[in-house]
């Protein structure tokens, strides 16, 4: 597994300037020392009266730090892959908070993100309901508005579970996780919808325990964050490209796994995310089709739901170099990386 070498190969080209990435999750702690100034006022569909810039769970803060953390001091904290992107936090309910939660709550979040300037939407949540019309139509709405939607495949690969929704919806970049050696993480959920894989084990990130809190974990959540950050990097460097061309840059430049066989396949998708390659000149993609290449992807879980024209928008009320060289975390002189955990089951949400 080659290092991403972000400082040398990625950031001289792009740092995500001017791009808004929406993190649909548990909220984001706006005053964490590595996120200060990066978090815009967002929305809260959890039932709490916030603007999304609070996080009692910590998962969303971790995801945001991997995307747009800027560190602090000299070589301290977490530096995200797209450190100059902005985060639009949208807080949703997790399993255990409100049992009545439906996957349809994702509709509120995705539509809000699209209507408030997000060019990339990160969904590190999931479940197993392919027939949720509201969530499906919200994804189609995002695609119709030229937004890159990224979601984690899930952390149930060791039990043979299928790729979860919204990752399995057509048009979504479905992301699995690999370990430090580039092999698929044992718990990374696999299936024909898998688009890309990215680092997802032993990832160092910010937490919401305090304004200087950090932690280490594993999960496809963090792998998805890296893909969202890469999409932001591309959108900043090549603002004229469509969302479909941004996705094509990532899938056509992905690195084939050493043990994965021919790609694309259900375990690694098109391969391991390669941010530096995705930023290189690519006239074949840039002058090619602008449509989302994943929009007509076959779903492994049968559904009779239409995948055509998205429903019209309805205004929604909102609340007032580590080992991969992707995100640098310096703690006590050591450079580390980390990943978070979570998933949603059935119609109820859990973080991946």
Protein backbone atom coordinates (compact mmCIF):
# COMPACT_ATOMS: atom_id res chain seq x y z
CA UNK A 1 0.00 0.00 0.00
CA UNK A 2 1.60 3.26 -1.14
CA UNK A 3 1.44 6.27 1.12
CA UNK A 4 -0.77 9.11 0.00
CA UNK A 5 1.92 11.68 0.80
CA UNK A 6 -0.62 14.46 1.16
CA UNK A 7 1.84 17.17 2.17
CA UNK A 8 4.07 16.61 -0.85
CA UNK A 9 1.66 15.37 -3.54
CA UNK A 10 -1.84 16.53 -2.67
CA UNK A 11 -1.86 19.89 -0.88
CA UNK A 12 0.36 21.70 -3.42
CA UNK A 13 -2.44 21.03 -5.93
CA UNK A 14 -5.52 21.49 -3.76
CA UNK A 15 -6.61 21.83 -0.15
CA UNK A 16 -10.34 21.98 -0.82
CA UNK A 17 -10.61 25.77 -0.87
CA UNK A 18 -14.14 27.11 -1.34
CA UNK A 19 -15.89 23.73 -1.19
CA UNK A 20 -18.59 22.94 1.36
CA UNK A 21 -18.79 19.33 2.58
CA UNK A 22 -21.90 18.42 4.54
CA UNK A 23 -21.39 15.92 7.35
CA UNK A 24 -24.72 14.22 8.11
CA UNK A 25 -24.04 12.63 11.46
CA UNK A 26 -24.17 13.30 15.21
CA UNK A 27 -23.32 16.98 14.78
CA UNK A 28 -19.88 18.60 14.82
CA UNK A 29 -18.18 20.36 17.75
CA UNK A 30 -17.43 23.75 16.23
CA UNK A 31 -14.92 24.82 18.87
CA UNK A 32 -12.64 21.80 18.77
CA UNK A 33 -9.15 23.24 18.43
CA UNK A 34 -8.58 21.47 15.10
CA UNK A 35 -11.92 22.60 13.61
CA UNK A 36 -12.19 26.20 14.81
CA UNK A 37 -13.34 28.36 11.91
CA UNK A 38 -14.13 25.37 9.70
CA UNK A 39 -17.71 24.62 10.76
CA UNK A 40 -20.61 26.57 9.27
CA UNK A 41 -24.04 26.90 10.87
CA UNK A 42 -26.05 23.85 9.80
CA UNK A 43 -29.24 22.09 10.85
CA UNK A 44 -30.53 19.70 13.49
CA UNK A 45 -33.17 17.07 12.70
CA UNK A 46 -32.61 15.16 15.93
CA UNK A 47 -35.28 17.05 17.83
CA UNK A 48 -32.79 19.28 19.61
CA UNK A 49 -32.81 23.00 18.92
CA UNK A 50 -29.29 23.47 17.61
CA UNK A 51 -27.70 24.45 14.32
CA UNK A 52 -25.73 21.21 14.12
CA UNK A 53 -22.60 22.63 15.76
CA UNK A 54 -22.85 20.50 18.89
CA UNK A 55 -21.96 16.82 19.20
CA UNK A 56 -22.81 14.77 22.25
CA UNK A 57 -21.66 11.53 20.66
CA UNK A 58 -18.39 12.54 18.96
CA UNK A 59 -18.74 10.58 15.74
CA UNK A 60 -19.51 13.54 13.50
CA UNK A 61 -16.68 15.57 14.98
CA UNK A 62 -14.25 12.78 14.14
CA UNK A 63 -15.50 12.57 10.55
CA UNK A 64 -15.27 16.34 10.13
CA UNK A 65 -11.70 16.37 11.44
CA UNK A 66 -10.61 13.78 8.88
CA UNK A 67 -12.11 15.89 6.10
CA UNK A 68 -11.21 19.45 7.11
CA UNK A 69 -9.18 19.48 10.32
CA UNK A 70 -6.42 22.10 10.29
CA UNK A 71 -4.38 21.00 13.30
CA UNK A 72 -3.15 23.54 15.79
CA UNK A 73 0.15 25.01 16.86
CA UNK A 74 3.17 23.56 15.11
CA UNK A 75 2.60 20.03 13.87
CA UNK A 76 -0.05 19.20 16.45
CA UNK A 77 -3.55 17.72 16.28
CA UNK A 78 -5.35 16.35 13.22
CA UNK A 79 -4.85 17.72 9.73
CA UNK A 80 -7.66 16.65 7.41
CA UNK A 81 -7.16 15.65 3.80
CA UNK A 82 -8.97 18.80 2.62
CA UNK A 83 -7.95 21.26 5.36
CA UNK A 84 -9.39 24.34 3.65
CA UNK A 85 -12.83 22.91 2.90
CA UNK A 86 -15.76 24.03 5.06
CA UNK A 87 -18.03 21.69 7.00
CA UNK A 88 -21.83 22.02 6.96
CA UNK A 89 -22.98 19.91 9.94
CA UNK A 90 -26.41 18.28 9.92
CA UNK A 91 -27.36 16.45 13.10
CA UNK A 92 -29.70 13.46 12.89
CA UNK A 93 -30.96 11.01 15.50
CA UNK A 94 -29.16 7.78 16.32
CA UNK A 95 -30.59 4.44 17.40
CA UNK A 96 -31.54 4.62 21.06
CA UNK A 97 -32.28 8.34 20.96
CA UNK A 98 -35.66 8.14 19.23
CA UNK A 99 -37.03 4.67 18.35
CA UNK A 100 -39.46 6.20 15.85
CA UNK A 101 -36.60 7.38 13.64
CA UNK A 102 -37.05 6.38 10.02
CA UNK A 103 -34.50 6.31 7.28
CA UNK A 104 -36.64 9.11 5.80
CA UNK A 105 -34.89 11.49 8.20
CA UNK A 106 -32.00 11.22 5.75
CA UNK A 107 -34.25 12.95 3.23
CA UNK A 108 -34.43 16.06 5.40
CA UNK A 109 -30.67 16.11 5.88
CA UNK A 110 -29.69 15.52 2.25
CA UNK A 111 -32.14 18.05 0.86
CA UNK A 112 -31.03 20.64 3.41
CA UNK A 113 -27.37 20.05 2.51
CA UNK A 114 -28.00 20.42 -1.21
CA UNK A 115 -30.11 23.56 -0.76
CA UNK A 116 -27.47 25.18 1.45
CA UNK A 117 -24.48 24.97 -0.83
CA UNK A 118 -22.89 21.57 -0.15
CA UNK A 119 -21.07 20.18 -3.19
CA UNK A 120 -20.19 16.97 -1.33
CA UNK A 121 -22.40 15.13 1.19
CA UNK A 122 -20.84 12.60 3.59
CA UNK A 123 -23.17 9.96 5.06
CA UNK A 124 -21.34 7.75 7.55
CA UNK A 125 -24.64 6.18 8.65
CA UNK A 126 -26.64 3.32 7.21
CA UNK A 127 -29.41 0.74 7.32
CA UNK A 128 -31.16 -2.03 5.37
CA UNK A 129 -34.31 -0.51 3.93
CA UNK A 130 -34.12 -0.26 0.11
CA UNK A 131 -37.76 0.79 -0.24
CA UNK A 132 -37.58 4.08 1.62
CA UNK A 133 -38.97 6.41 -1.04
CA UNK A 134 -38.09 9.66 0.73
CA UNK A 135 -34.41 8.81 1.18
CA UNK A 136 -34.16 7.46 -2.36
CA UNK A 137 -35.74 10.58 -3.85
CA UNK A 138 -33.45 12.81 -1.79
CA UNK A 139 -30.40 11.05 -3.22
CA UNK A 140 -31.78 11.49 -6.73
CA UNK A 141 -32.39 15.15 -5.96
CA UNK A 142 -28.77 15.56 -4.87
CA UNK A 143 -27.53 13.86 -8.04
CA UNK A 144 -29.77 16.12 -10.16
CA UNK A 145 -28.20 19.13 -8.44
CA UNK A 146 -24.63 18.04 -9.28
CA UNK A 147 -23.67 16.99 -5.75
CA UNK A 148 -21.25 14.13 -4.94
CA UNK A 149 -22.90 11.86 -2.35
CA UNK A 150 -20.56 9.56 -0.40
CA UNK A 151 -21.65 6.87 2.09
CA UNK A 152 -20.05 4.09 4.12
CA UNK A 153 -20.91 0.50 3.13
CA UNK A 154 -21.20 -0.63 6.79
CA UNK A 155 -19.25 -2.50 9.45
CA UNK A 156 -20.98 -5.88 9.22
CA UNK A 157 -18.84 -7.59 6.62
CA UNK A 158 -17.87 -10.32 9.05
CA UNK A 159 -21.53 -11.40 9.22
CA UNK A 160 -22.11 -11.45 5.48
CA UNK A 161 -24.51 -8.48 5.51
CA UNK A 162 -25.22 -6.62 2.25
CA UNK A 163 -24.08 -3.08 1.51
CA UNK A 164 -26.30 -0.76 3.54
CA UNK A 165 -28.42 2.16 2.44
CA UNK A 166 -27.89 4.98 1.54
CA UNK A 167 -24.56 3.61 0.22
CA UNK A 168 -26.45 1.07 -1.93
CA UNK A 169 -28.65 3.66 -3.62
CA UNK A 170 -27.72 4.27 -7.29
CA UNK A 171 -25.60 7.38 -7.71
CA UNK A 172 -23.90 7.12 -4.30
CA UNK A 173 -20.16 6.49 -3.92
CA UNK A 174 -20.22 3.45 -1.60
CA UNK A 175 -17.00 3.19 0.43
CA UNK A 176 -15.47 0.21 2.21
CA UNK A 177 -12.39 0.12 4.45
CA UNK A 178 -8.89 -1.32 4.13
CA UNK A 179 -6.20 -1.82 6.74
CA UNK A 180 -2.67 -0.47 6.83
CA UNK A 181 -1.43 -3.24 4.53
CA UNK A 182 -4.04 -2.40 1.89
CA UNK A 183 -6.12 -5.54 2.48
CA UNK A 184 -9.85 -5.30 3.09
CA UNK A 185 -10.74 -4.77 6.75
CA UNK A 186 -12.44 -7.90 8.06
CA UNK A 187 -15.60 -6.04 9.09
CA UNK A 188 -15.92 -3.90 5.97
CA UNK A 189 -19.27 -4.70 4.36
CA UNK A 190 -18.89 -5.80 0.74
CA UNK A 191 -21.20 -6.16 -2.21
CA UNK A 192 -21.65 -5.25 -5.88
CA UNK A 193 -22.46 -1.64 -4.96
CA UNK A 194 -18.99 -1.06 -3.48
CA UNK A 195 -17.33 1.78 -5.39
CA UNK A 196 -14.04 2.46 -3.61
CA UNK A 197 -12.11 1.52 -0.47
CA UNK A 198 -9.98 3.78 1.71
CA UNK A 199 -8.09 3.66 5.04
CA UNK A 200 -10.35 2.56 7.89
CA UNK A 201 -8.27 1.06 10.69
CA UNK A 202 -6.28 2.67 13.53
CA UNK A 203 -7.29 6.17 12.48
CA UNK A 204 -6.43 9.13 14.73
CA UNK A 205 -9.14 11.80 14.90
CA UNK A 206 -10.76 14.53 16.96
CA UNK A 207 -13.48 13.66 19.47
CA UNK A 208 -16.13 15.73 21.21
CA UNK A 209 -14.99 14.87 24.73
CA UNK A 210 -13.33 18.27 24.96
CA UNK A 211 -12.01 20.98 22.69
CA UNK A 212 -8.70 19.12 22.72
CA UNK A 213 -10.04 15.54 22.68
CA UNK A 214 -8.67 12.79 20.41
CA UNK A 215 -9.25 9.09 19.88
CA UNK A 216 -8.45 6.06 17.74
CA UNK A 217 -10.86 3.64 16.09
CA UNK A 218 -11.84 1.56 13.07
CA UNK A 219 -14.69 1.79 10.59
CA UNK A 220 -15.98 2.44 7.09
CA UNK A 221 -17.13 5.84 8.42
CA UNK A 222 -13.61 7.17 8.21
CA UNK A 223 -12.93 5.57 4.85
CA UNK A 224 -15.96 7.48 3.55
CA UNK A 225 -14.57 10.71 5.04
CA UNK A 226 -11.38 10.33 3.00
CA UNK A 227 -13.37 9.88 -0.20
CA UNK A 228 -15.52 12.93 0.61
CA UNK A 229 -12.36 14.93 1.24
CA UNK A 230 -10.88 13.80 -2.08
CA UNK A 231 -14.05 14.85 -3.88
CA UNK A 232 -13.68 18.27 -2.25
CA UNK A 233 -10.04 18.49 -3.37
CA UNK A 234 -11.04 17.75 -6.97
CA UNK A 235 -13.96 20.17 -6.92
CA UNK A 236 -11.66 22.94 -5.64
CA UNK A 237 -8.94 22.26 -8.22
CA UNK A 238 -11.31 21.69 -11.16
CA UNK A 239 -14.49 23.70 -10.47
CA UNK A 240 -15.81 23.17 -13.98
CA UNK A 241 -16.13 19.41 -13.60
CA UNK A 242 -19.50 17.82 -12.92
CA UNK A 243 -20.11 15.56 -9.94
CA UNK A 244 -20.03 12.61 -12.35
CA UNK A 245 -16.61 13.61 -13.65
CA UNK A 246 -15.34 14.03 -10.08
CA UNK A 247 -16.50 10.47 -9.33
CA UNK A 248 -14.92 9.22 -12.55
CA UNK A 249 -11.60 10.80 -11.60
CA UNK A 250 -11.63 8.87 -8.32
CA UNK A 251 -12.64 5.49 -9.76
CA UNK A 252 -10.39 5.61 -12.83
CA UNK A 253 -7.31 6.47 -10.76
CA UNK A 254 -7.89 4.08 -7.86
CA UNK A 255 -5.07 1.65 -7.07
CA UNK A 256 -5.80 -2.02 -7.68
CA UNK A 257 -5.45 -4.05 -4.45
CA UNK A 258 -2.64 -6.59 -4.26
CA UNK A 259 -4.97 -9.36 -3.13
CA UNK A 260 -8.25 -8.29 -4.68
CA UNK A 261 -8.11 -9.74 -8.20
CA UNK A 262 -9.45 -7.87 -11.19
CA UNK A 263 -11.39 -4.68 -10.48
CA UNK A 264 -14.11 -3.64 -10.21
CA UNK A 265 -15.28 -6.31 -7.80
CA UNK A 266 -17.61 -6.52 -4.82
CA UNK A 267 -14.85 -6.35 -2.21
CA UNK A 268 -12.75 -3.40 -3.35
CA UNK A 269 -14.97 -1.75 -5.93
CA UNK A 270 -12.70 0.02 -8.41
CA UNK A 271 -9.80 -0.12 -5.97
CA UNK A 272 -8.08 1.88 -3.22
CA UNK A 273 -8.57 5.63 -3.22
CA UNK A 274 -5.54 7.51 -4.61
CA UNK A 275 -6.00 11.26 -3.97
CA UNK A 276 -2.81 12.44 -5.66
CA UNK A 277 -3.59 10.51 -8.85
CA UNK A 278 -7.17 11.74 -8.78
CA UNK A 279 -5.83 15.32 -8.94
CA UNK A 280 -3.53 14.76 -11.92
CA UNK A 281 -4.39 15.90 -15.44
CA UNK A 282 -7.04 13.57 -16.85
CA UNK A 283 -8.39 14.85 -20.20
CA UNK A 284 -10.09 11.53 -20.96
CA UNK A 285 -12.39 12.06 -17.97
CA UNK A 286 -12.60 15.84 -18.07
CA UNK A 287 -13.69 15.85 -21.72
CA UNK A 288 -15.90 12.81 -21.32
CA UNK A 289 -19.48 12.26 -20.12
CA UNK A 290 -20.70 14.50 -17.31
CA UNK A 291 -23.34 12.10 -16.00
CA UNK A 292 -22.98 10.28 -12.69
CA UNK A 293 -21.51 6.87 -13.66
CA UNK A 294 -23.18 5.19 -10.65
CA UNK A 295 -26.72 6.38 -11.27
CA UNK A 296 -27.82 3.22 -13.09
CA UNK A 297 -25.85 0.81 -10.93
CA UNK A 298 -27.69 -2.43 -10.21
CA UNK A 299 -28.85 -2.88 -6.61
CA UNK A 300 -28.22 -6.28 -5.07
CA UNK A 301 -31.31 -5.88 -2.89
CA UNK A 302 -34.30 -6.03 -5.19
CA UNK A 303 -36.58 -3.01 -5.28
CA UNK A 304 -39.50 -1.83 -7.34
CA UNK A 305 -38.79 1.79 -6.53
CA UNK A 306 -38.33 4.10 -9.54
CA UNK A 307 -34.86 5.49 -10.16
CA UNK A 308 -35.86 8.22 -12.59
CA UNK A 309 -36.75 11.87 -12.09
CA UNK A 310 -36.26 13.06 -8.51
CA UNK A 311 -39.21 14.47 -6.62
CA UNK A 312 -39.40 18.28 -6.45
CA UNK A 313 -37.75 19.86 -3.45
CA UNK A 314 -39.90 20.78 -0.46
CA UNK A 315 -38.36 23.49 1.75
CA UNK A 316 -37.44 22.01 5.10
CA UNK A 317 -37.11 23.74 8.44
CA UNK A 318 -33.62 23.58 9.91
CA UNK A 319 -32.07 24.41 13.22
CA UNK A 320 -31.00 28.00 13.97
CA UNK A 321 1.28 12.28 6.92
CA UNK A 322 0.29 9.42 9.02
CA UNK A 323 0.87 5.93 7.70
CA UNK A 324 -1.22 6.78 4.67
CA UNK A 325 -0.09 10.39 4.64
CA UNK A 326 -3.78 11.41 4.42
CA UNK A 327 -4.49 12.93 7.81
CA UNK A 328 -1.66 13.90 10.10
CA UNK A 329 -2.18 13.45 13.82
CA UNK A 330 0.73 14.41 16.03
CA UNK A 331 0.42 13.31 19.62
CA UNK A 332 3.39 13.19 21.94
CA UNK A 333 5.73 13.37 18.97
CA UNK A 334 4.16 10.41 17.15
CA UNK A 335 2.31 10.64 13.85
CA UNK A 336 -0.83 8.52 13.79
CA UNK A 337 -4.12 8.04 11.90
CA UNK A 338 -7.52 6.78 13.05
CA UNK A 339 -11.13 5.88 12.17
CA UNK A 340 -14.56 6.01 13.82
CA UNK A 341 -17.30 3.42 14.19
CA UNK A 342 -21.09 3.16 13.56
CA UNK A 343 -24.07 1.82 11.41
CA UNK A 344 -27.86 2.02 11.13
CA UNK A 345 -30.03 -1.11 11.26
CA UNK A 346 -33.36 -1.49 9.51
CA UNK A 347 -34.96 1.94 9.60
CA UNK A 348 -33.02 3.11 12.63
CA UNK A 349 -29.73 4.92 12.46
CA UNK A 350 -26.42 3.93 13.95
CA UNK A 351 -23.10 5.56 13.15
CA UNK A 352 -20.61 3.51 11.22
